Each structure stands twice: as C-alpha cells, then as structure tokens.
C-alpha cells in the first residue's frame, strides 16, 4: 500500500493542504491590506489610543491584586468568592461532579459548571481577549477574513478535542485543570496567537529561502522531541500515550503543507500557518479520542451511535438557512447574508450547539451547566407545565433551545451584514464579533456531540 500512496508524510501533507484550501485560504495580504477595522476604519480611533500591552498588563495587575486580597482576607476572598464561584466549579468539574452536586471546602459549597458570577467574568474576559486580538491584527494590518476565521475556528476545535480528553480522565491533576473550560480555550487561544505571530515572522523572512521555514522547523522538532521524551520516560500526567511516530507524522505534515503552500504562493501566509498548525494539533487529539473509543482508559456510559444525528441536523438546518437566502435574496437583498460562507459557519456552529444540547438533555439525561441555557430551558418547561402542554414533556430543550438558537444566528448575520448590503461601510471589527459567536457555538457543540457519542 505504501508504494501506491507514496511516503506517508507527503500524503498527509497533501491531505492537509487540501483541507486548508477547502477552508477558503486566501493569498497573502499585502502590507497595506484592509485592517481588521474594515473599510470604515479611520486612523486614530479609540483602539489606536489603547497601548497593545494594556490588556495583558491589566489582567496581570488584576491577578496580582487578587493575590494580595487573598493574603489579607483569606476567608472572604478565597473561600467565599474564589472557591465558591471560580476555582471550586473547576475542581468539581474535574472530579466528575454533576451540576446538582456540591463540593465543599472549608464548609463552602461549589457546584460544577457555570454560575452567574463566573459567567459574567468569563464573558468580560472573552471581550478583553477579543480587544487584544483586534489590536494584534491592527498592528500587523491583517483582516479578520474567512481564512483567518477558519484558522481561529480550527484552534477552537482543537481545544475542544483536548477538553474532551479531559472529560475522559486522560489528564491528571494538576495538568488536568488546564484543560477545563475556560482555561483550555485560553491555552489554545494563546497557542493560536503564537502560531499566527510565527507565520507573520516567517512571512517577513520570505526573501531569504534558507531561513524562511526555520522557525516552523524548530517548533516542530521541539514538539516531537518533547513528546517523545515524555512518552519514553512514562510521565504519569496522562493516562496513555499515542506512539511518537504519529506525533512526528502530524508535525511533518504541518511542515510540508506550509512549505508547499509557500512555494506555490511565493511567500508564507500567516493564515496558512494558523490553519495548518491547528489541524496538526487537532489530529493528535482526535487520534487519542479514537484510542479511547477502541480501548477506554476510564469508565464510561454506553456509546450512542445515534449521536451522529447532531451534526446531521446542524447541517440540515444550515442548508435550510442557505436555501432561504438563495430564494429570498432577489426580493430581499439582506437575505444574501445567508449565502456567505462565514455566515453559514456561524449558523452551523450555533445549530451544532443547539442540537447537541437538546439531544443530550432530552434523549440521554444530561444536565445543563450554562446559566443562560438552563434558564431558557427551565423557563420553557415551566411555561409548558403552566399551560398544560403535555406534548412538550420530555422535549423542552429541543422545542425551546433549537428554534431560539436558529433565530438568533440568522438574525445576527442579517443584522451584522445589513450596512454592507445597503452600500455602507462594514461595522468595525465585524469579523471578530462573528468569530466570537462561532466560538460560543462550535466549542460546546462539538464537545457535547462527541461526549454523547462516546458515552462520557
């Protein structure tokens, strides 16, 4: 078989390059390309007046302030606030507690999942991260176009796969806590930013063919050697290791795919690096999940093959939105938003989350951890009980969450593209706003779907 396919590294690289091309990879942006602010950007706006180090410096100062407060008022700050609302839910999640169960520390209970306090805090943190990402893109004159959104979404998917590994008890404390939401998305978001910055550095070196791929080569070799050392030393921070050959194969595929794309384009595109590295990391995570499915390392429920209905229904809903856009756009120009690839990705991500949540709760007895989602589903259940809607019994999540998510996604893309379709400039940072909504759908949706299928 090897003689038919050629070397496995080259075959993997060609496959990876094809995936990136299908994702909508664009050619490298020239230095004077449209900035993240879009065509409506004016020099000297509020974002330019905020130093690029303001967000990380502010977050660092906040952590330092919390540390001082914890020393001065340990009971009020550590026990009653940090444990109850932040650290306690993470530890409870890591130990497999259901949202209805409590984990006590110094007599203070904490529940796994989300609560109103940490929900608001994580939302504010996401907003600050989006602001910082906007500053980085502005500095490098990079538009948040389809290629960049595809790369960022792939990093979210990679983070979700490793979050799923944590659900299977693959990681052990204290490493385990890095792979629980929202920490896992901060970690993989940082890796995505670093991969983009590496790609930008490589683009600046494109004039020197001898060293242009050196940063990527160094990172790939370091990752493979580091993983091999951990595997051969039998480090006990994880339940099991994939053979280092597969990690080396993924690294080689990433390197060769980026090299092939750079050779064809004449320069390295940072978006290509962003996409390729995310696919490589996701491939390793997917391989470990396949190993768990074939030979589990922890107890799990019965696997549910019918979970494939989740992506099937999400694709069908996205196709419905596309069809509505195609049919309605001649009479209603705003409907053209529903045929744009990035907008279809947004709709699909929200439907993936909606159907995964609905089938997991209504069909498999899972509990909702998110405050807003739980409020919506519980509110509809109370309404149905009050009105005597017996037909809604047992289907509250499907009847309440799916229509709401679909309506929100369609309304969001139509509203965000309204000015553009009416001939006005794009709203600044629209690409980042769309990515934030995609992140809120693809992350929990993919996780819930795979957990449902694996019986985790």
Protein backbone atom coordinates (compact mmCIF):
# COMPACT_ATOMS: atom_id res chain seq x y z
CA UNK A 1 0.00 0.00 0.00
CA UNK A 2 2.89 2.36 0.70
CA UNK A 3 4.02 2.05 -2.91
CA UNK A 4 0.63 3.27 -4.08
CA UNK A 5 0.39 6.24 -1.75
CA UNK A 6 3.98 7.35 -1.57
CA UNK A 7 5.62 8.42 1.68
CA UNK A 8 3.02 8.82 4.44
CA UNK A 9 4.36 12.26 5.38
CA UNK A 10 3.84 13.59 1.86
CA UNK A 11 0.39 12.02 1.61
CA UNK A 12 -0.61 13.58 4.93
CA UNK A 13 0.78 16.94 3.81
CA UNK A 14 -1.22 16.84 0.57
CA UNK A 15 -4.37 15.95 2.52
CA UNK A 16 -3.76 18.75 4.99
CA UNK A 17 -3.11 21.25 2.21
CA UNK A 18 -6.37 20.22 0.57
CA UNK A 19 -8.28 20.80 3.81
CA UNK A 20 -6.81 24.28 4.14
CA UNK A 21 -7.64 25.09 0.55
CA UNK A 22 -11.23 23.96 1.09
CA UNK A 23 -11.46 26.16 4.17
CA UNK A 24 -11.16 29.21 1.98
CA UNK A 25 -7.46 30.01 2.20
CA UNK A 26 -6.66 33.36 0.69
CA UNK A 27 -3.42 34.59 -0.75
CA UNK A 28 -1.02 36.54 1.49
CA UNK A 29 -2.26 40.01 2.35
CA UNK A 30 -0.05 42.87 1.24
CA UNK A 31 1.26 45.26 3.88
CA UNK A 32 -1.36 47.86 3.02
CA UNK A 33 -4.26 45.40 3.12
CA UNK A 34 -7.53 46.32 4.77
CA UNK A 35 -7.11 46.31 8.52
CA UNK A 36 -9.29 44.46 10.96
CA UNK A 37 -11.40 47.57 11.29
CA UNK A 38 -12.72 47.14 7.76
CA UNK A 39 -13.11 49.81 5.07
CA UNK A 40 -14.85 52.11 7.52
CA UNK A 41 -11.76 52.39 9.72
CA UNK A 42 -10.42 55.87 10.40
CA UNK A 43 -6.86 56.42 11.62
CA UNK A 44 -6.56 57.44 15.22
CA UNK A 45 -9.77 55.82 16.52
CA UNK A 46 -10.17 54.64 20.13
CA UNK A 47 -8.43 51.30 19.55
CA UNK A 48 -5.24 53.03 18.39
CA UNK A 49 -5.17 55.06 21.58
CA UNK A 50 -5.02 51.94 23.79
CA UNK A 51 -1.47 50.52 24.15
CA UNK A 52 -1.20 46.93 22.90
CA UNK A 53 0.18 45.86 26.27
CA UNK A 54 -2.81 47.33 28.16
CA UNK A 55 -4.93 44.15 28.20
CA UNK A 56 -2.23 41.67 29.36
CA UNK A 57 -0.87 44.25 31.81
CA UNK A 58 -4.35 44.91 33.18
CA UNK A 59 -5.09 41.20 33.60
CA UNK A 60 -1.73 40.71 35.30
CA UNK A 61 -2.49 43.57 37.66
CA UNK A 62 -5.90 42.09 38.44
CA UNK A 63 -4.34 38.73 39.32
CA UNK A 64 -1.75 40.46 41.49
CA UNK A 65 -4.50 42.39 43.26
CA UNK A 66 -6.43 39.18 43.89
CA UNK A 67 -3.29 37.61 45.33
CA UNK A 68 -2.82 40.48 47.78
CA UNK A 69 -6.52 40.44 48.74
CA UNK A 70 -6.35 36.67 49.31
CA UNK A 71 -3.48 37.17 51.75
CA UNK A 72 -5.24 39.98 53.62
CA UNK A 73 -8.76 38.48 53.69
CA UNK A 74 -8.41 34.73 53.05
CA UNK A 75 -11.88 33.71 54.21
CA UNK A 76 -13.83 36.37 52.32
CA UNK A 77 -11.74 36.28 49.13
CA UNK A 78 -10.51 32.68 48.86
CA UNK A 79 -13.32 30.71 50.47
CA UNK A 80 -16.44 32.76 49.86
CA UNK A 81 -15.54 34.17 46.46
CA UNK A 82 -12.75 32.42 44.55
CA UNK A 83 -13.66 28.92 45.73
CA UNK A 84 -17.43 29.31 45.52
CA UNK A 85 -17.60 30.96 42.11
CA UNK A 86 -14.36 30.18 40.25
CA UNK A 87 -11.89 27.56 41.47
CA UNK A 88 -14.45 25.31 43.17
CA UNK A 89 -16.53 24.77 39.99
CA UNK A 90 -13.35 23.84 38.10
CA UNK A 91 -12.30 21.27 40.72
CA UNK A 92 -15.83 19.87 40.92
CA UNK A 93 -15.89 19.54 37.13
CA UNK A 94 -12.51 17.80 37.17
CA UNK A 95 -13.79 15.28 39.72
CA UNK A 96 -16.86 14.49 37.66
CA UNK A 97 -19.48 16.16 39.84
CA UNK A 98 -22.88 16.85 38.28
CA UNK A 99 -24.15 20.46 38.40
CA UNK A 100 -26.69 19.47 41.03
CA UNK A 101 -23.95 18.08 43.31
CA UNK A 102 -21.77 20.24 45.56
CA UNK A 103 -18.12 20.02 46.55
CA UNK A 104 -17.27 21.65 49.88
CA UNK A 105 -14.05 23.25 51.04
CA UNK A 106 -13.82 24.91 54.46
CA UNK A 107 -17.58 24.47 54.64
CA UNK A 108 -18.23 26.47 51.45
CA UNK A 109 -20.06 24.55 48.67
CA UNK A 110 -19.21 24.85 44.97
CA UNK A 111 -21.06 23.38 42.01
CA UNK A 112 -19.55 22.15 38.74
CA UNK A 113 -20.15 24.27 35.70
CA UNK A 114 -21.24 27.88 35.49
CA UNK A 115 -22.92 30.32 37.82
CA UNK A 116 -23.99 33.96 37.32
CA UNK A 117 -20.73 35.34 38.73
CA UNK A 118 -18.25 33.32 36.69
CA UNK A 119 -20.46 33.58 33.60
CA UNK A 120 -20.20 37.38 33.68
CA UNK A 121 -16.48 37.20 34.50
CA UNK A 122 -15.72 34.81 31.62
CA UNK A 123 -17.78 36.96 29.23
CA UNK A 124 -15.78 40.04 30.22
CA UNK A 125 -12.55 38.06 29.83
CA UNK A 126 -13.61 36.98 26.35
CA UNK A 127 -14.33 40.61 25.48
CA UNK A 128 -10.87 41.68 26.64
CA UNK A 129 -9.26 38.86 24.64
CA UNK A 130 -11.17 39.94 21.53
CA UNK A 131 -10.00 43.52 22.11
CA UNK A 132 -6.38 42.38 22.40
CA UNK A 133 -6.72 40.21 19.29
CA UNK A 134 -8.09 43.24 17.43
CA UNK A 135 -5.02 45.23 18.46
CA UNK A 136 -2.69 42.45 17.27
CA UNK A 137 -4.45 42.25 13.90
CA UNK A 138 -4.39 46.03 13.57
CA UNK A 139 -0.66 46.14 14.24
CA UNK A 140 0.01 43.57 11.51
CA UNK A 141 -2.53 45.03 9.05
CA UNK A 142 -4.41 41.73 8.92
CA UNK A 143 -8.12 41.46 8.07
CA UNK A 144 -10.26 39.00 10.03
CA UNK A 145 -11.42 37.43 6.79
CA UNK A 146 -12.68 33.92 6.05
CA UNK A 147 -9.19 32.44 6.05
CA UNK A 148 -8.39 33.87 9.48
CA UNK A 149 -11.80 32.92 10.91
CA UNK A 150 -11.35 29.38 9.58
CA UNK A 151 -7.93 29.13 11.23
CA UNK A 152 -9.19 30.51 14.54
CA UNK A 153 -12.18 28.15 14.45
CA UNK A 154 -9.86 25.20 13.87
CA UNK A 155 -7.93 26.18 17.00
CA UNK A 156 -11.22 26.26 18.93
CA UNK A 157 -11.99 22.76 17.61
CA UNK A 158 -8.51 21.58 18.64
CA UNK A 159 -9.02 22.97 22.14
CA UNK A 160 -12.41 21.27 22.33
CA UNK A 161 -10.88 17.88 21.43
CA UNK A 162 -8.40 18.22 24.29
CA UNK A 163 -11.23 19.35 26.56
CA UNK A 164 -12.94 16.10 25.59
CA UNK A 165 -9.79 14.21 26.56
CA UNK A 166 -10.08 15.80 29.99
CA UNK A 167 -13.68 14.55 30.13
CA UNK A 168 -12.37 11.01 29.60
CA UNK A 169 -9.98 11.46 32.58
CA UNK A 170 -6.98 11.44 30.22
CA UNK A 171 -5.15 14.17 32.15
CA UNK A 172 -4.31 14.01 35.83
CA UNK A 173 -4.03 16.85 38.35
CA UNK A 174 -2.62 19.44 38.27
CA UNK A 175 -2.28 19.34 34.46
CA UNK A 176 -5.95 18.42 34.24
CA UNK A 177 -7.06 21.89 35.35
CA UNK A 178 -5.53 23.48 32.25
CA UNK A 179 -7.92 21.52 30.04
CA UNK A 180 -11.19 22.52 31.72
CA UNK A 181 -13.24 25.40 30.34
CA UNK A 182 -12.49 28.28 30.17
CA UNK A 183 -8.77 27.65 30.85
CA UNK A 184 -8.47 25.26 27.90
CA UNK A 185 -9.65 27.94 25.46
CA UNK A 186 -7.25 30.50 26.92
CA UNK A 187 -4.40 27.99 26.45
CA UNK A 188 -5.33 27.10 22.89
CA UNK A 189 -6.16 30.71 22.07
CA UNK A 190 -2.64 31.66 23.15
CA UNK A 191 -1.23 28.85 21.00
CA UNK A 192 -3.24 30.13 18.05
CA UNK A 193 -1.93 33.67 18.53
CA UNK A 194 1.63 32.36 18.77
CA UNK A 195 1.19 30.34 15.57
CA UNK A 196 -0.09 33.43 13.78
CA UNK A 197 2.82 35.54 15.04
CA UNK A 198 5.23 32.81 13.93
CA UNK A 199 3.59 32.88 10.49
CA UNK A 200 3.97 36.64 10.34
CA UNK A 201 7.65 36.32 11.26
CA UNK A 202 8.11 33.71 8.54
CA UNK A 203 6.44 35.98 6.01
CA UNK A 204 8.97 38.70 6.84
CA UNK A 205 11.73 36.15 6.18
CA UNK A 206 10.24 35.09 2.82
CA UNK A 207 13.01 36.87 0.93
CA UNK A 208 15.60 34.52 2.46
CA UNK A 209 14.72 31.00 1.32
CA UNK A 210 17.36 29.43 3.55
CA UNK A 211 15.81 30.54 6.82
CA UNK A 212 12.16 31.26 5.98
CA UNK A 213 10.92 27.93 7.39
CA UNK A 214 13.44 27.76 10.22
CA UNK A 215 11.03 28.95 12.98
CA UNK A 216 8.46 26.35 11.97
CA UNK A 217 11.06 23.60 11.72
CA UNK A 218 12.42 24.40 15.18
CA UNK A 219 8.94 24.31 16.72
CA UNK A 220 8.02 21.02 15.00
CA UNK A 221 11.25 19.32 16.09
CA UNK A 222 10.91 20.64 19.65
CA UNK A 223 7.31 19.38 19.92
CA UNK A 224 8.19 15.91 18.61
CA UNK A 225 11.27 15.55 20.81
CA UNK A 226 9.44 16.88 23.87
CA UNK A 227 6.56 14.45 23.36
CA UNK A 228 8.96 11.54 22.77
CA UNK A 229 10.83 12.31 25.99
CA UNK A 230 7.58 12.38 27.98
CA UNK A 231 6.37 9.15 26.38
CA UNK A 232 9.62 7.22 26.82
CA UNK A 233 10.06 8.45 30.40
CA UNK A 234 6.49 7.30 31.16
CA UNK A 235 5.49 10.65 32.70
CA UNK A 236 2.30 9.96 34.64
CA UNK A 237 0.48 13.22 33.89
CA UNK A 238 -1.66 11.46 31.27
CA UNK A 239 -3.42 8.12 31.10
CA UNK A 240 -1.83 6.87 27.87
CA UNK A 241 0.46 7.98 25.06
CA UNK A 242 0.00 7.77 21.33
CA UNK A 243 3.10 6.41 19.63
CA UNK A 244 5.56 9.27 18.99
CA UNK A 245 5.56 8.26 15.32
CA UNK A 246 2.06 9.68 14.90
CA UNK A 247 3.03 12.97 16.51
CA UNK A 248 6.07 13.12 14.22
CA UNK A 249 3.83 12.36 11.24
CA UNK A 250 1.46 15.19 12.16
CA UNK A 251 4.36 17.62 12.63
CA UNK A 252 5.89 16.58 9.28
CA UNK A 253 2.52 17.02 7.56
CA UNK A 254 2.14 20.52 9.00
CA UNK A 255 5.66 21.49 7.92
CA UNK A 256 5.31 20.09 4.39
CA UNK A 257 1.84 21.61 3.88
CA UNK A 258 3.05 25.09 4.83
CA UNK A 259 6.17 24.64 2.71
CA UNK A 260 4.09 23.54 -0.28
CA UNK A 261 1.73 26.49 0.08
CA UNK A 262 4.60 28.97 0.47
CA UNK A 263 6.32 27.56 -2.61
CA UNK A 264 3.18 27.93 -4.71
CA UNK A 265 2.37 31.44 -3.44
CA UNK A 266 5.92 32.74 -3.26
CA UNK A 267 5.56 33.76 0.41
CA UNK A 268 4.34 32.41 3.73
CA UNK A 269 0.79 33.37 4.63
CA UNK A 270 0.20 33.65 8.42
CA UNK A 271 -3.36 32.39 7.95
CA UNK A 272 -1.96 29.21 6.39
CA UNK A 273 0.28 28.68 9.40
CA UNK A 274 -2.70 29.32 11.70
CA UNK A 275 -4.82 26.72 9.91
CA UNK A 276 -2.14 24.07 9.42
CA UNK A 277 -0.87 24.08 12.98
CA UNK A 278 -4.43 23.87 14.32
CA UNK A 279 -5.18 20.86 12.10
CA UNK A 280 -1.98 19.16 13.24
CA UNK A 281 -2.81 19.62 16.93
CA UNK A 282 -6.43 18.58 16.37
CA UNK A 283 -5.27 15.43 14.56
CA UNK A 284 -3.31 14.32 17.63
CA UNK A 285 -6.29 14.99 19.88
CA UNK A 286 -8.62 13.08 17.54
CA UNK A 287 -6.19 10.14 17.47
CA UNK A 288 -6.24 9.92 21.27
CA UNK A 289 -10.04 10.01 21.30
CA UNK A 290 -10.12 7.18 18.76
CA UNK A 291 -7.85 5.20 21.07
CA UNK A 292 -10.27 5.86 23.94
CA UNK A 293 -13.22 4.67 21.83
CA UNK A 294 -11.42 1.41 20.95
CA UNK A 295 -9.74 0.78 24.32
CA UNK A 296 -11.08 3.09 27.09
CA UNK A 297 -8.80 4.10 29.95
CA UNK A 298 -11.68 5.15 32.23
CA UNK A 299 -15.28 4.04 32.89
CA UNK A 300 -17.91 5.44 30.57
CA UNK A 301 -21.56 5.04 29.69
CA UNK A 302 -22.83 3.13 26.70
CA UNK A 303 -21.70 4.69 23.42
CA UNK A 304 -24.56 6.19 21.42
CA UNK A 305 -24.18 5.85 17.64
CA UNK A 306 -27.36 7.88 17.19
CA UNK A 307 -25.37 10.95 18.28
CA UNK A 308 -24.46 11.32 14.60
CA UNK A 309 -27.89 12.95 14.32
CA UNK A 310 -26.40 16.07 15.92
CA UNK A 311 -24.13 17.16 13.03
CA UNK A 312 -26.66 15.82 10.53
CA UNK A 313 -29.40 18.07 11.88
CA UNK A 314 -26.98 21.00 12.17
CA UNK A 315 -26.01 20.62 8.50
CA UNK A 316 -29.67 20.31 7.51
CA UNK A 317 -30.53 23.50 9.41
CA UNK A 318 -27.62 25.34 7.82
CA UNK A 319 -28.74 24.13 4.39
CA UNK A 320 -32.23 25.44 5.17
CA UNK A 321 -30.80 28.86 6.00
CA UNK A 322 -28.77 28.81 2.76
CA UNK A 323 -31.87 27.86 0.75
CA UNK A 324 -33.88 30.66 2.31
CA UNK A 325 -31.08 33.06 1.45
CA UNK A 326 -30.95 31.95 -2.16
CA UNK A 327 -34.71 32.11 -2.64
CA UNK A 328 -35.34 35.35 -0.76
CA UNK A 329 -32.32 37.39 -1.87
CA UNK A 330 -33.81 38.60 -5.21
CA UNK A 331 -36.67 40.30 -3.34
CA UNK A 332 -34.88 40.97 -0.04
CA UNK A 333 -31.20 41.85 -0.54
CA UNK A 334 -30.44 41.43 3.17
CA UNK A 335 -31.07 37.70 2.77
CA UNK A 336 -27.85 37.47 0.77
CA UNK A 337 -26.08 37.34 4.13
CA UNK A 338 -27.31 33.74 4.43
CA UNK A 339 -25.28 32.55 1.46
CA UNK A 340 -21.90 33.85 2.67
CA UNK A 341 -19.53 31.07 3.87
CA UNK A 342 -18.55 32.77 7.13
CA UNK A 343 -22.19 33.41 7.99
CA UNK A 344 -23.13 29.81 7.24
CA UNK A 345 -20.30 28.73 9.55
CA UNK A 346 -21.81 30.93 12.26
CA UNK A 347 -25.30 29.48 11.75
CA UNK A 348 -23.95 25.93 11.65
CA UNK A 349 -21.94 26.37 14.84
CA UNK A 350 -24.98 27.62 16.76
CA UNK A 351 -27.14 24.79 15.45
CA UNK A 352 -24.47 22.25 16.40
CA UNK A 353 -24.61 23.52 19.97
CA UNK A 354 -28.41 23.65 19.96
CA UNK A 355 -28.98 20.10 18.70
CA UNK A 356 -26.19 18.64 20.85
CA UNK A 357 -27.70 20.27 23.95
CA UNK A 358 -31.24 19.20 23.06
CA UNK A 359 -30.43 15.57 22.32
CA UNK A 360 -28.11 15.24 25.32
CA UNK A 361 -30.69 16.63 27.77
CA UNK A 362 -33.90 15.26 26.27
CA UNK A 363 -32.52 11.98 24.95
CA UNK A 364 -29.72 10.98 27.31
CA UNK A 365 -30.47 12.64 30.65
CA UNK A 366 -27.52 15.05 30.71
CA UNK A 367 -27.72 18.23 32.81
CA UNK A 368 -27.18 21.77 31.50
CA UNK A 369 -24.24 23.63 33.09
CA UNK A 370 -24.59 27.04 31.44
CA UNK A 371 -26.65 29.58 33.34
CA UNK A 372 -28.35 31.23 30.34
CA UNK A 373 -29.14 27.95 28.56
CA UNK A 374 -30.50 26.43 31.77
CA UNK A 375 -32.70 29.48 32.33
CA UNK A 376 -34.14 29.25 28.82
CA UNK A 377 -34.89 25.54 29.01
CA UNK A 378 -36.24 25.68 32.55
CA UNK A 379 -38.37 28.70 31.71
CA UNK A 380 -39.95 26.92 28.76
CA UNK A 381 -40.55 23.80 30.88
CA UNK A 382 -42.38 25.91 33.48
CA UNK A 383 -44.42 27.62 30.77
CA UNK A 384 -45.36 24.27 29.24
CA UNK A 385 -46.41 22.91 32.63
CA UNK A 386 -48.48 26.03 33.38
CA UNK A 387 -50.23 25.92 30.01
CA UNK A 388 -50.78 22.17 30.16
CA UNK A 389 -48.71 21.44 27.04
CA UNK A 390 -48.32 17.71 27.59
CA UNK A 391 -46.86 17.31 24.11
CA UNK A 392 -43.81 19.31 25.22
CA UNK A 393 -42.98 16.99 28.12
CA UNK A 394 -39.55 15.44 27.68
CA UNK A 395 -38.71 17.67 24.70
CA UNK A 396 -38.23 21.03 26.43
CA UNK A 397 -34.63 21.54 25.25
CA UNK A 398 -35.45 20.66 21.65
CA UNK A 399 -38.53 22.86 21.48
CA UNK A 400 -37.04 25.85 23.30
CA UNK A 401 -33.33 25.89 22.54
CA UNK A 402 -33.14 24.91 18.87
CA UNK A 403 -35.64 27.49 17.50
CA UNK A 404 -34.12 30.20 19.67
CA UNK A 405 -30.56 29.43 18.56
CA UNK A 406 -31.57 29.28 14.90
CA UNK A 407 -33.45 32.57 15.10
CA UNK A 408 -30.57 34.24 16.93
CA UNK A 409 -27.97 33.04 14.39
CA UNK A 410 -29.99 34.09 11.34
CA UNK A 411 -30.93 37.45 12.85
CA UNK A 412 -27.32 38.08 13.88
CA UNK A 413 -25.80 37.53 10.43
CA UNK A 414 -28.53 39.52 8.70
CA UNK A 415 -28.20 42.42 11.14
CA UNK A 416 -24.38 42.46 11.01
CA UNK A 417 -24.34 42.43 7.22
CA UNK A 418 -27.17 44.97 6.86
CA UNK A 419 -24.97 48.06 6.44
CA UNK A 420 -22.70 46.29 3.98
CA UNK A 421 -25.62 45.14 1.85
CA UNK A 422 -27.04 48.67 1.87
CA UNK A 423 -23.80 50.06 0.48
CA UNK A 424 -22.48 51.43 3.76
CA UNK A 425 -19.07 50.57 5.28
CA UNK A 426 -18.73 47.46 7.43
CA UNK A 427 -19.09 47.83 11.16
CA UNK A 428 -15.57 47.84 12.63
CA UNK A 429 -14.25 44.51 13.88
CA UNK A 430 -17.23 42.60 12.47
CA UNK A 431 -15.06 39.60 11.68
CA UNK A 432 -14.00 39.33 15.31
CA UNK A 433 -17.59 39.61 16.52
CA UNK A 434 -18.63 36.83 14.17
CA UNK A 435 -15.75 34.68 15.36
CA UNK A 436 -16.77 35.24 19.00
CA UNK A 437 -20.27 33.93 18.18
CA UNK A 438 -18.80 30.98 16.27
CA UNK A 439 -16.60 30.20 19.28
CA UNK A 440 -19.67 30.16 21.53
CA UNK A 441 -21.28 27.54 19.29
CA UNK A 442 -18.54 25.30 17.97
CA UNK A 443 -16.81 24.82 21.32
CA UNK A 444 -19.69 23.48 23.45
CA UNK A 445 -21.46 21.97 20.43
CA UNK A 446 -18.54 19.81 19.32
CA UNK A 447 -17.79 18.80 22.90
CA UNK A 448 -21.38 17.80 23.69
CA UNK A 449 -21.75 15.89 20.42
CA UNK A 450 -18.60 13.81 20.91
CA UNK A 451 -19.29 13.26 24.62
CA UNK A 452 -22.74 11.98 23.70
CA UNK A 453 -21.30 9.61 21.11
CA UNK A 454 -18.56 8.27 23.38
CA UNK A 455 -20.85 7.96 26.38
CA UNK A 456 -18.63 10.19 28.51
